[in-house]
N, C-alpha and C. Protein backbone atom coordinates (compact mmCIF):
# COMPACT_ATOMS: atom_id res chain seq x y z
N LEU A 1 7.84 14.21 20.34
CA LEU A 1 6.59 13.84 20.91
C LEU A 1 6.05 12.56 20.22
N ALA A 2 6.20 12.44 18.92
CA ALA A 2 5.65 11.37 18.12
C ALA A 2 6.39 9.95 18.58
N PRO A 3 7.76 10.00 18.83
CA PRO A 3 8.36 8.73 19.19
C PRO A 3 7.79 8.25 20.63
N ARG A 4 7.39 9.21 21.44
CA ARG A 4 6.81 8.77 22.72
C ARG A 4 5.53 8.15 22.60
N ILE A 5 4.72 8.78 21.67
CA ILE A 5 3.39 8.22 21.41
C ILE A 5 3.40 6.94 20.71
N TYR A 6 4.15 6.91 19.69
CA TYR A 6 4.10 5.71 18.69
C TYR A 6 5.28 4.68 18.90
N GLY A 7 6.20 5.06 19.67
CA GLY A 7 7.40 4.21 19.85
C GLY A 7 8.45 4.50 18.85
N ASP A 8 9.72 4.19 19.29
CA ASP A 8 10.91 4.39 18.54
C ASP A 8 10.81 3.70 17.17
N GLY A 9 11.13 4.39 16.02
CA GLY A 9 11.30 3.72 14.77
C GLY A 9 9.95 3.59 14.05
N THR A 10 8.84 3.92 14.72
CA THR A 10 7.54 3.88 14.03
C THR A 10 7.40 4.94 12.85
N ILE A 11 7.89 6.08 13.17
CA ILE A 11 7.84 7.23 12.15
C ILE A 11 8.65 6.80 10.90
N ASP A 12 9.85 6.24 11.19
CA ASP A 12 10.75 5.82 10.10
C ASP A 12 10.14 4.67 9.33
N ASN A 13 9.48 3.68 10.08
CA ASN A 13 8.77 2.62 9.31
C ASN A 13 7.73 3.11 8.46
N PHE A 14 6.92 4.13 9.01
CA PHE A 14 5.93 4.73 8.26
C PHE A 14 6.34 5.42 7.03
N LYS A 15 7.44 6.26 7.21
CA LYS A 15 8.00 6.87 6.00
C LYS A 15 8.49 6.02 5.01
N ASN A 16 9.24 4.86 5.38
CA ASN A 16 9.64 3.83 4.42
C ASN A 16 8.52 3.22 3.66
N GLU A 17 7.42 3.01 4.37
CA GLU A 17 6.18 2.25 3.84
C GLU A 17 5.56 3.29 2.78
N ILE A 18 5.51 4.59 3.08
CA ILE A 18 5.04 5.48 2.06
C ILE A 18 5.91 5.53 0.86
N ILE A 19 7.25 5.61 1.06
CA ILE A 19 8.16 5.72 -0.09
C ILE A 19 8.03 4.39 -1.01
N SER A 20 7.95 3.19 -0.32
CA SER A 20 7.80 1.99 -1.13
C SER A 20 6.50 2.06 -1.84
N GLU A 21 5.32 2.34 -1.27
CA GLU A 21 4.06 2.39 -2.02
C GLU A 21 4.11 3.51 -3.11
N THR A 22 4.70 4.60 -2.91
CA THR A 22 4.75 5.70 -3.97
C THR A 22 5.49 5.20 -5.15
N LEU A 23 6.70 4.51 -4.85
CA LEU A 23 7.57 4.04 -5.81
C LEU A 23 6.94 2.98 -6.70
N LEU A 24 6.13 2.13 -6.04
CA LEU A 24 5.26 1.09 -6.82
C LEU A 24 4.30 1.76 -7.62
N GLU A 25 3.60 2.78 -7.24
CA GLU A 25 2.57 3.41 -8.00
C GLU A 25 3.06 4.42 -9.03
N LEU A 26 4.17 4.92 -8.83
CA LEU A 26 4.69 6.05 -9.83
C LEU A 26 4.66 5.60 -11.21
N PRO A 27 5.15 4.42 -11.66
CA PRO A 27 5.16 4.03 -13.01
C PRO A 27 3.75 4.13 -13.56
N ASN A 28 2.65 3.93 -12.82
CA ASN A 28 1.33 4.06 -13.39
C ASN A 28 0.89 5.34 -13.81
N HIS A 29 1.66 6.34 -13.44
CA HIS A 29 1.25 7.72 -13.75
C HIS A 29 2.31 8.48 -14.53
N HIS A 30 3.22 7.84 -15.13
CA HIS A 30 4.28 8.54 -15.89
C HIS A 30 3.73 9.45 -16.98
N GLU A 31 2.74 9.20 -17.62
CA GLU A 31 2.27 9.97 -18.74
C GLU A 31 1.75 11.28 -18.26
N GLN A 32 1.00 11.26 -17.07
CA GLN A 32 0.44 12.54 -16.51
C GLN A 32 1.62 13.35 -15.90
N ILE A 33 2.59 12.62 -15.49
CA ILE A 33 3.73 13.42 -14.90
C ILE A 33 4.54 14.02 -15.94
N GLU A 34 4.68 13.36 -17.10
CA GLU A 34 5.49 13.98 -18.22
C GLU A 34 4.68 15.27 -18.86
N ARG A 35 3.38 15.00 -18.93
CA ARG A 35 2.61 16.15 -19.46
C ARG A 35 2.62 17.35 -18.59
N TYR A 36 2.58 17.03 -17.24
CA TYR A 36 2.65 18.21 -16.31
C TYR A 36 4.13 18.87 -16.41
N MET A 37 5.08 17.96 -16.44
CA MET A 37 6.50 18.59 -16.55
C MET A 37 6.76 19.38 -17.84
N ASP A 38 6.20 18.81 -18.86
CA ASP A 38 6.33 19.58 -20.18
C ASP A 38 5.66 20.97 -20.17
N THR A 39 4.42 20.95 -19.50
CA THR A 39 3.76 22.21 -19.39
C THR A 39 4.42 23.11 -18.31
N ALA A 40 4.69 22.58 -17.24
CA ALA A 40 5.28 23.44 -16.00
C ALA A 40 6.65 23.97 -16.44
N PHE A 41 7.42 23.25 -17.02
CA PHE A 41 8.78 23.70 -17.45
C PHE A 41 9.02 24.12 -18.88
N ASP A 42 7.92 24.09 -19.69
CA ASP A 42 7.94 24.54 -20.99
C ASP A 42 9.19 23.89 -21.81
N LEU A 43 9.35 22.63 -21.66
CA LEU A 43 10.60 21.91 -22.00
C LEU A 43 10.87 22.15 -23.59
N GLN A 44 9.89 22.00 -24.33
CA GLN A 44 10.14 22.16 -25.88
C GLN A 44 10.82 23.46 -26.21
N VAL A 45 10.18 24.54 -25.56
CA VAL A 45 10.76 25.89 -26.00
C VAL A 45 12.08 26.03 -25.31
N THR A 46 12.25 25.67 -24.03
CA THR A 46 13.50 25.82 -23.28
C THR A 46 14.60 25.12 -23.98
N LEU A 47 14.36 23.81 -24.36
CA LEU A 47 15.46 23.01 -25.00
C LEU A 47 15.75 23.50 -26.37
N SER A 48 14.79 23.85 -27.19
CA SER A 48 15.09 24.37 -28.56
C SER A 48 15.79 25.63 -28.54
N HIS A 49 15.53 26.54 -27.50
CA HIS A 49 16.17 27.80 -27.35
C HIS A 49 17.69 27.50 -26.98
N ARG A 50 17.83 26.77 -25.94
CA ARG A 50 19.19 26.46 -25.38
C ARG A 50 20.15 25.69 -26.42
N LEU A 51 19.44 24.73 -27.10
CA LEU A 51 20.21 23.97 -28.13
C LEU A 51 20.58 24.88 -29.23
N SER A 52 19.73 25.78 -29.67
CA SER A 52 19.97 26.61 -30.81
C SER A 52 21.06 27.57 -30.60
N LYS A 53 21.52 27.86 -29.24
CA LYS A 53 22.56 28.63 -28.85
C LYS A 53 23.85 27.88 -28.77
N LEU A 54 23.84 26.57 -28.83
CA LEU A 54 25.16 25.87 -28.62
C LEU A 54 25.98 25.94 -29.94
N HIS A 55 27.27 26.02 -29.69
CA HIS A 55 28.22 26.14 -30.86
C HIS A 55 27.98 24.69 -31.53
N PRO A 56 28.21 24.60 -32.88
CA PRO A 56 28.11 23.28 -33.52
C PRO A 56 29.00 22.15 -32.99
N ALA A 57 30.22 22.59 -32.59
CA ALA A 57 31.09 21.48 -32.05
C ALA A 57 30.63 21.05 -30.69
N ARG A 58 30.02 21.86 -29.89
CA ARG A 58 29.58 21.40 -28.61
C ARG A 58 28.28 20.55 -28.83
N PHE A 59 27.42 21.04 -29.84
CA PHE A 59 26.28 20.16 -30.11
C PHE A 59 26.62 18.81 -30.54
N GLU A 60 27.58 18.74 -31.34
CA GLU A 60 28.04 17.37 -31.96
C GLU A 60 28.65 16.72 -30.80
N GLY A 61 29.45 17.24 -29.91
CA GLY A 61 30.00 16.59 -28.77
C GLY A 61 28.98 15.97 -27.79
N MET A 62 27.81 16.71 -27.71
CA MET A 62 26.75 16.17 -26.93
C MET A 62 26.10 15.04 -27.46
N LEU A 63 25.91 15.03 -28.76
CA LEU A 63 25.18 13.91 -29.49
C LEU A 63 26.11 12.75 -29.85
N HIS A 64 27.31 12.97 -29.89
CA HIS A 64 28.24 11.82 -30.42
C HIS A 64 28.15 10.68 -29.46
N PRO A 65 28.19 10.80 -28.13
CA PRO A 65 28.14 9.61 -27.27
C PRO A 65 26.81 8.79 -27.51
N VAL A 66 25.73 9.46 -27.84
CA VAL A 66 24.42 8.70 -28.17
C VAL A 66 24.55 7.76 -29.27
N PHE A 67 25.25 8.29 -30.41
CA PHE A 67 25.41 7.43 -31.64
C PHE A 67 26.77 6.60 -31.66
N GLN A 68 27.61 6.76 -30.71
CA GLN A 68 28.97 6.19 -30.77
C GLN A 68 28.86 4.68 -30.82
N GLU A 69 27.86 4.13 -30.04
CA GLU A 69 27.75 2.64 -30.03
C GLU A 69 27.32 2.08 -31.41
N ASP A 70 26.52 2.84 -32.16
CA ASP A 70 26.05 2.36 -33.45
C ASP A 70 26.73 3.15 -34.62
N GLU A 71 27.83 3.72 -34.31
CA GLU A 71 28.67 4.52 -35.34
C GLU A 71 28.99 3.63 -36.61
N TRP A 72 29.39 2.45 -36.30
CA TRP A 72 29.80 1.54 -37.45
C TRP A 72 28.70 1.24 -38.33
N MET A 73 27.43 1.20 -37.85
CA MET A 73 26.25 0.99 -38.64
C MET A 73 25.89 2.11 -39.52
N VAL A 74 26.07 3.34 -38.91
CA VAL A 74 25.77 4.58 -39.64
C VAL A 74 26.88 4.69 -40.80
N LEU A 75 28.15 4.41 -40.44
CA LEU A 75 29.12 4.46 -41.62
C LEU A 75 28.94 3.38 -42.58
N LEU A 76 28.50 2.28 -42.24
CA LEU A 76 28.28 1.14 -43.19
C LEU A 76 27.04 1.57 -44.11
N LEU A 77 25.97 2.11 -43.45
CA LEU A 77 24.86 2.49 -44.21
C LEU A 77 25.18 3.59 -45.15
N GLY A 78 25.93 4.59 -44.69
CA GLY A 78 26.36 5.70 -45.61
C GLY A 78 27.20 5.24 -46.74
N GLY A 79 27.99 4.27 -46.54
CA GLY A 79 28.88 3.62 -47.64
C GLY A 79 27.93 2.94 -48.58
N VAL A 80 27.06 2.14 -48.05
CA VAL A 80 26.16 1.39 -49.00
C VAL A 80 25.27 2.38 -49.88
N LEU A 81 24.81 3.40 -49.18
CA LEU A 81 23.89 4.32 -49.84
C LEU A 81 24.77 5.15 -50.86
N GLY A 82 26.04 5.46 -50.55
CA GLY A 82 26.95 6.17 -51.40
C GLY A 82 27.20 5.25 -52.64
N VAL A 83 27.40 4.06 -52.61
CA VAL A 83 27.58 3.06 -53.66
C VAL A 83 26.34 2.94 -54.50
N CYS A 84 25.24 2.92 -53.87
CA CYS A 84 23.89 2.88 -54.66
C CYS A 84 23.58 4.06 -55.49
N VAL A 85 23.84 5.15 -54.75
CA VAL A 85 23.53 6.53 -55.46
C VAL A 85 24.68 6.88 -56.54
N GLY A 86 25.84 6.58 -56.08
CA GLY A 86 27.00 7.04 -57.05
C GLY A 86 27.34 6.01 -58.00
């Protein structure tokens, strides 16, 4: 019925315009969205519970890619600190 009233493609244009405006406005509300998600999903409790259940090897495997890029710096800093302390 809507295509007959408004013409072909009008609904799609309207949807695309709403999506574009929403995506432009979304960054302005990220703090409120994060607070809501933290509350609604209870992320801190959920993540701490699930991470505490991980086997140490799997936990290390999950974190390793995060630090892999800077691994040389961590090793260098560890060596320097070891020399300073030892």
